Amino acid sequence: MNDDRQIRRKVEIAMEPVELHKILKFENLAASGGEAKFRIQDGQVRVNGQTETRKRRKIRHGDVIETPEAILTIVKSNPLIDGSDQICF
């Protein structure tokens, strides 16, 4: 799944944990929650290098999510300081 064409970006979360399917949906890696859940069950998503099939897998700071399109690194944001335009969960 590791490909030079994959987009690499950080995803900031304000609270832990966040369910895997929600991150895929909000990061536009799936058009809907249903599509996100399908992609996970279909084995199209890896977390920390391992294929993940649990839709509600709890994602925390430091986790790395890989799809054919993107590699997402999860970082904990400081909601008092965070002035970014990224979506914070």
N, C-alpha and C. Protein backbone atom coordinates (compact mmCIF):
# COMPACT_ATOMS: atom_id res chain seq x y z
N MET A 1 0.82 -1.19 0.00
CA MET A 1 0.00 0.00 0.00
C MET A 1 0.86 1.26 0.00
N ASN A 2 2.11 1.13 0.40
CA ASN A 2 2.98 2.30 0.44
C ASN A 2 3.39 2.68 -0.97
N ASP A 3 3.03 3.88 -1.40
CA ASP A 3 3.20 4.31 -2.78
C ASP A 3 3.61 5.78 -2.78
N ASP A 4 4.49 6.15 -3.68
CA ASP A 4 4.93 7.54 -3.74
C ASP A 4 3.81 8.50 -4.13
N ARG A 5 2.73 7.98 -4.70
CA ARG A 5 1.61 8.84 -5.10
C ARG A 5 0.63 9.09 -3.96
N GLN A 6 0.83 8.47 -2.83
CA GLN A 6 -0.06 8.67 -1.70
C GLN A 6 0.16 10.06 -1.10
N ILE A 7 -0.93 10.69 -0.73
CA ILE A 7 -0.87 11.97 -0.04
C ILE A 7 -0.48 11.68 1.41
N ARG A 8 0.44 12.45 1.94
CA ARG A 8 0.83 12.30 3.34
C ARG A 8 0.41 13.56 4.09
N ARG A 9 -0.31 13.37 5.19
CA ARG A 9 -0.70 14.54 5.97
C ARG A 9 -0.96 14.16 7.42
N LYS A 10 -0.94 15.18 8.25
CA LYS A 10 -1.23 15.01 9.67
C LYS A 10 -2.70 15.34 9.91
N VAL A 11 -3.31 14.57 10.78
CA VAL A 11 -4.69 14.81 11.18
C VAL A 11 -4.67 15.10 12.67
N GLU A 12 -5.15 16.27 13.03
CA GLU A 12 -5.16 16.66 14.43
C GLU A 12 -6.48 16.25 15.07
N ILE A 13 -6.37 15.65 16.24
CA ILE A 13 -7.56 15.29 17.01
C ILE A 13 -7.48 15.98 18.36
N ALA A 14 -8.61 16.51 18.81
CA ALA A 14 -8.64 17.20 20.09
C ALA A 14 -8.95 16.24 21.23
N MET A 15 -9.69 15.17 20.91
CA MET A 15 -10.07 14.19 21.93
C MET A 15 -9.70 12.80 21.45
N GLU A 16 -9.36 11.95 22.38
CA GLU A 16 -9.06 10.55 22.06
C GLU A 16 -10.04 9.66 22.81
N PRO A 17 -10.35 8.51 22.27
CA PRO A 17 -10.06 8.04 20.92
C PRO A 17 -11.11 8.51 19.93
N VAL A 18 -10.82 8.32 18.63
CA VAL A 18 -11.75 8.58 17.54
C VAL A 18 -11.89 7.29 16.75
N GLU A 19 -13.10 6.96 16.36
CA GLU A 19 -13.31 5.72 15.59
C GLU A 19 -12.75 5.88 14.18
N LEU A 20 -12.14 4.83 13.69
CA LEU A 20 -11.47 4.82 12.40
C LEU A 20 -12.37 5.28 11.27
N HIS A 21 -13.59 4.77 11.19
CA HIS A 21 -14.46 5.13 10.06
C HIS A 21 -14.77 6.62 10.03
N LYS A 22 -14.81 7.26 11.18
CA LYS A 22 -15.09 8.71 11.23
C LYS A 22 -13.93 9.51 10.64
N ILE A 23 -12.72 9.07 10.91
CA ILE A 23 -11.56 9.78 10.35
C ILE A 23 -11.55 9.66 8.83
N LEU A 24 -11.82 8.47 8.30
CA LEU A 24 -11.86 8.30 6.85
C LEU A 24 -12.91 9.20 6.22
N LYS A 25 -14.06 9.29 6.85
CA LYS A 25 -15.14 10.12 6.32
C LYS A 25 -14.76 11.60 6.35
N PHE A 26 -14.29 12.08 7.48
CA PHE A 26 -14.00 13.51 7.62
C PHE A 26 -12.75 13.94 6.86
N GLU A 27 -11.90 13.00 6.54
CA GLU A 27 -10.71 13.33 5.74
C GLU A 27 -10.96 13.11 4.25
N ASN A 28 -12.22 12.90 3.89
CA ASN A 28 -12.64 12.74 2.49
C ASN A 28 -11.98 11.55 1.79
N LEU A 29 -11.71 10.51 2.55
CA LEU A 29 -11.21 9.27 1.97
C LEU A 29 -12.35 8.29 1.72
N ALA A 30 -13.56 8.72 2.08
CA ALA A 30 -14.79 7.97 1.80
C ALA A 30 -15.90 9.00 1.68
N ALA A 31 -16.83 8.76 0.76
CA ALA A 31 -17.92 9.71 0.52
C ALA A 31 -18.96 9.71 1.63
N SER A 32 -19.01 8.62 2.38
CA SER A 32 -19.99 8.51 3.46
C SER A 32 -19.46 7.58 4.53
N GLY A 33 -20.17 7.56 5.65
CA GLY A 33 -19.80 6.63 6.71
C GLY A 33 -19.93 5.19 6.27
N GLY A 34 -20.96 4.92 5.47
CA GLY A 34 -21.15 3.57 4.96
C GLY A 34 -20.01 3.13 4.05
N GLU A 35 -19.55 4.05 3.20
CA GLU A 35 -18.42 3.71 2.33
C GLU A 35 -17.15 3.50 3.16
N ALA A 36 -16.96 4.33 4.18
CA ALA A 36 -15.79 4.17 5.04
C ALA A 36 -15.80 2.80 5.71
N LYS A 37 -16.94 2.39 6.22
CA LYS A 37 -17.05 1.09 6.87
C LYS A 37 -16.81 -0.05 5.89
N PHE A 38 -17.32 0.10 4.65
CA PHE A 38 -17.09 -0.92 3.63
C PHE A 38 -15.61 -1.05 3.32
N ARG A 39 -14.92 0.08 3.13
CA ARG A 39 -13.50 0.05 2.79
C ARG A 39 -12.69 -0.63 3.89
N ILE A 40 -13.07 -0.38 5.14
CA ILE A 40 -12.37 -1.00 6.26
C ILE A 40 -12.60 -2.51 6.25
N GLN A 41 -13.87 -2.92 6.16
CA GLN A 41 -14.20 -4.35 6.16
C GLN A 41 -13.59 -5.08 4.98
N ASP A 42 -13.41 -4.35 3.87
CA ASP A 42 -12.87 -4.94 2.65
C ASP A 42 -11.34 -5.06 2.69
N GLY A 43 -10.72 -4.59 3.77
CA GLY A 43 -9.27 -4.72 3.92
C GLY A 43 -8.46 -3.66 3.19
N GLN A 44 -9.08 -2.53 2.86
CA GLN A 44 -8.41 -1.47 2.13
C GLN A 44 -7.68 -0.47 3.04
N VAL A 45 -7.73 -0.69 4.35
CA VAL A 45 -7.16 0.26 5.30
C VAL A 45 -6.19 -0.46 6.23
N ARG A 46 -5.05 0.18 6.48
CA ARG A 46 -4.09 -0.35 7.45
C ARG A 46 -3.89 0.68 8.55
N VAL A 47 -3.70 0.18 9.76
CA VAL A 47 -3.39 1.03 10.91
C VAL A 47 -2.09 0.51 11.50
N ASN A 48 -1.11 1.40 11.57
CA ASN A 48 0.21 1.04 12.09
C ASN A 48 0.80 -0.18 11.37
N GLY A 49 0.59 -0.23 10.05
CA GLY A 49 1.18 -1.28 9.23
C GLY A 49 0.40 -2.58 9.16
N GLN A 50 -0.69 -2.69 9.91
CA GLN A 50 -1.49 -3.92 9.93
C GLN A 50 -2.85 -3.67 9.28
N THR A 51 -3.29 -4.60 8.43
CA THR A 51 -4.63 -4.48 7.85
C THR A 51 -5.65 -4.45 8.97
N GLU A 52 -6.56 -3.48 8.91
CA GLU A 52 -7.56 -3.31 9.96
C GLU A 52 -8.95 -3.53 9.37
N THR A 53 -9.74 -4.41 9.99
CA THR A 53 -11.09 -4.67 9.51
C THR A 53 -12.15 -4.28 10.54
N ARG A 54 -11.72 -3.72 11.66
CA ARG A 54 -12.69 -3.26 12.67
C ARG A 54 -13.06 -1.81 12.38
N LYS A 55 -14.34 -1.59 12.05
CA LYS A 55 -14.81 -0.25 11.69
C LYS A 55 -14.66 0.74 12.84
N ARG A 56 -14.86 0.26 14.02
CA ARG A 56 -14.84 1.14 15.19
C ARG A 56 -13.51 1.11 15.93
N ARG A 57 -12.47 0.69 15.23
CA ARG A 57 -11.13 0.69 15.82
C ARG A 57 -10.86 2.06 16.42
N LYS A 58 -10.40 2.09 17.64
CA LYS A 58 -10.12 3.36 18.33
C LYS A 58 -8.76 3.88 17.90
N ILE A 59 -8.75 5.08 17.36
CA ILE A 59 -7.53 5.71 16.86
C ILE A 59 -7.07 6.74 17.87
N ARG A 60 -5.76 6.73 18.12
CA ARG A 60 -5.16 7.63 19.12
C ARG A 60 -3.94 8.33 18.54
N HIS A 61 -3.45 9.31 19.29
CA HIS A 61 -2.24 10.05 18.93
C HIS A 61 -1.12 9.07 18.60
N GLY A 62 -0.45 9.31 17.50
CA GLY A 62 0.67 8.47 17.10
C GLY A 62 0.32 7.38 16.11
N ASP A 63 -0.97 7.06 15.96
CA ASP A 63 -1.36 6.03 14.99
C ASP A 63 -1.15 6.54 13.58
N VAL A 64 -0.88 5.62 12.66
CA VAL A 64 -0.71 5.94 11.24
C VAL A 64 -1.73 5.11 10.47
N ILE A 65 -2.57 5.80 9.70
CA ILE A 65 -3.61 5.17 8.90
C ILE A 65 -3.19 5.23 7.44
N GLU A 66 -3.25 4.10 6.76
CA GLU A 66 -2.87 4.05 5.34
C GLU A 66 -4.04 3.56 4.50
N THR A 67 -4.29 4.25 3.40
CA THR A 67 -5.24 3.82 2.38
C THR A 67 -4.49 3.89 1.06
N PRO A 68 -5.07 3.39 -0.02
CA PRO A 68 -4.37 3.51 -1.31
C PRO A 68 -4.11 4.97 -1.71
N GLU A 69 -4.92 5.90 -1.20
CA GLU A 69 -4.78 7.32 -1.57
C GLU A 69 -3.93 8.14 -0.62
N ALA A 70 -3.86 7.76 0.65
CA ALA A 70 -3.24 8.64 1.64
C ALA A 70 -2.61 7.89 2.79
N ILE A 71 -1.67 8.58 3.42
CA ILE A 71 -1.09 8.13 4.69
C ILE A 71 -1.35 9.25 5.69
N LEU A 72 -2.09 8.93 6.74
CA LEU A 72 -2.47 9.92 7.74
C LEU A 72 -1.75 9.62 9.04
N THR A 73 -1.09 10.62 9.59
CA THR A 73 -0.48 10.50 10.91
C THR A 73 -1.34 11.27 11.89
N ILE A 74 -1.76 10.60 12.94
CA ILE A 74 -2.67 11.22 13.91
C ILE A 74 -1.85 11.91 14.99
N VAL A 75 -2.17 13.18 15.22
CA VAL A 75 -1.50 13.95 16.26
C VAL A 75 -2.55 14.60 17.16
N LYS A 76 -2.22 14.71 18.42
CA LYS A 76 -3.12 15.34 19.38
C LYS A 76 -2.92 16.84 19.32
N SER A 77 -4.01 17.57 19.14
CA SER A 77 -3.92 19.02 19.09
C SER A 77 -4.17 19.60 20.48
N ASN A 78 -3.70 20.80 20.66
CA ASN A 78 -4.00 21.53 21.87
C ASN A 78 -5.12 22.49 21.52
N PRO A 79 -6.36 22.20 21.94
CA PRO A 79 -7.50 23.01 21.50
C PRO A 79 -7.41 24.47 21.93
N LEU A 80 -6.60 24.79 22.91
CA LEU A 80 -6.48 26.18 23.34
C LEU A 80 -5.54 26.96 22.44
N ILE A 81 -4.65 26.25 21.76
CA ILE A 81 -3.65 26.93 20.92
C ILE A 81 -3.95 26.71 19.44
N ASP A 82 -4.62 25.63 19.10
CA ASP A 82 -4.80 25.23 17.72
C ASP A 82 -5.50 26.30 16.90
N GLY A 83 -4.81 26.86 15.95
CA GLY A 83 -5.40 27.85 15.07
C GLY A 83 -5.42 27.37 13.64
N SER A 84 -5.22 26.09 13.44
CA SER A 84 -5.15 25.56 12.07
C SER A 84 -6.54 25.48 11.47
N ASP A 85 -6.56 25.24 10.18
CA ASP A 85 -7.82 25.07 9.48
C ASP A 85 -8.17 23.61 9.29
N GLN A 86 -7.45 22.72 9.99
CA GLN A 86 -7.73 21.30 9.88
C GLN A 86 -8.91 20.93 10.75
N ILE A 87 -9.58 19.86 10.35
CA ILE A 87 -10.71 19.36 11.13
C ILE A 87 -10.15 18.70 12.40
N CYS A 88 -10.68 19.10 13.53
CA CYS A 88 -10.27 18.49 14.79
C CYS A 88 -11.45 17.72 15.35
N PHE A 89 -11.20 16.47 15.73
CA PHE A 89 -12.24 15.62 16.30
C PHE A 89 -12.26 15.79 17.79
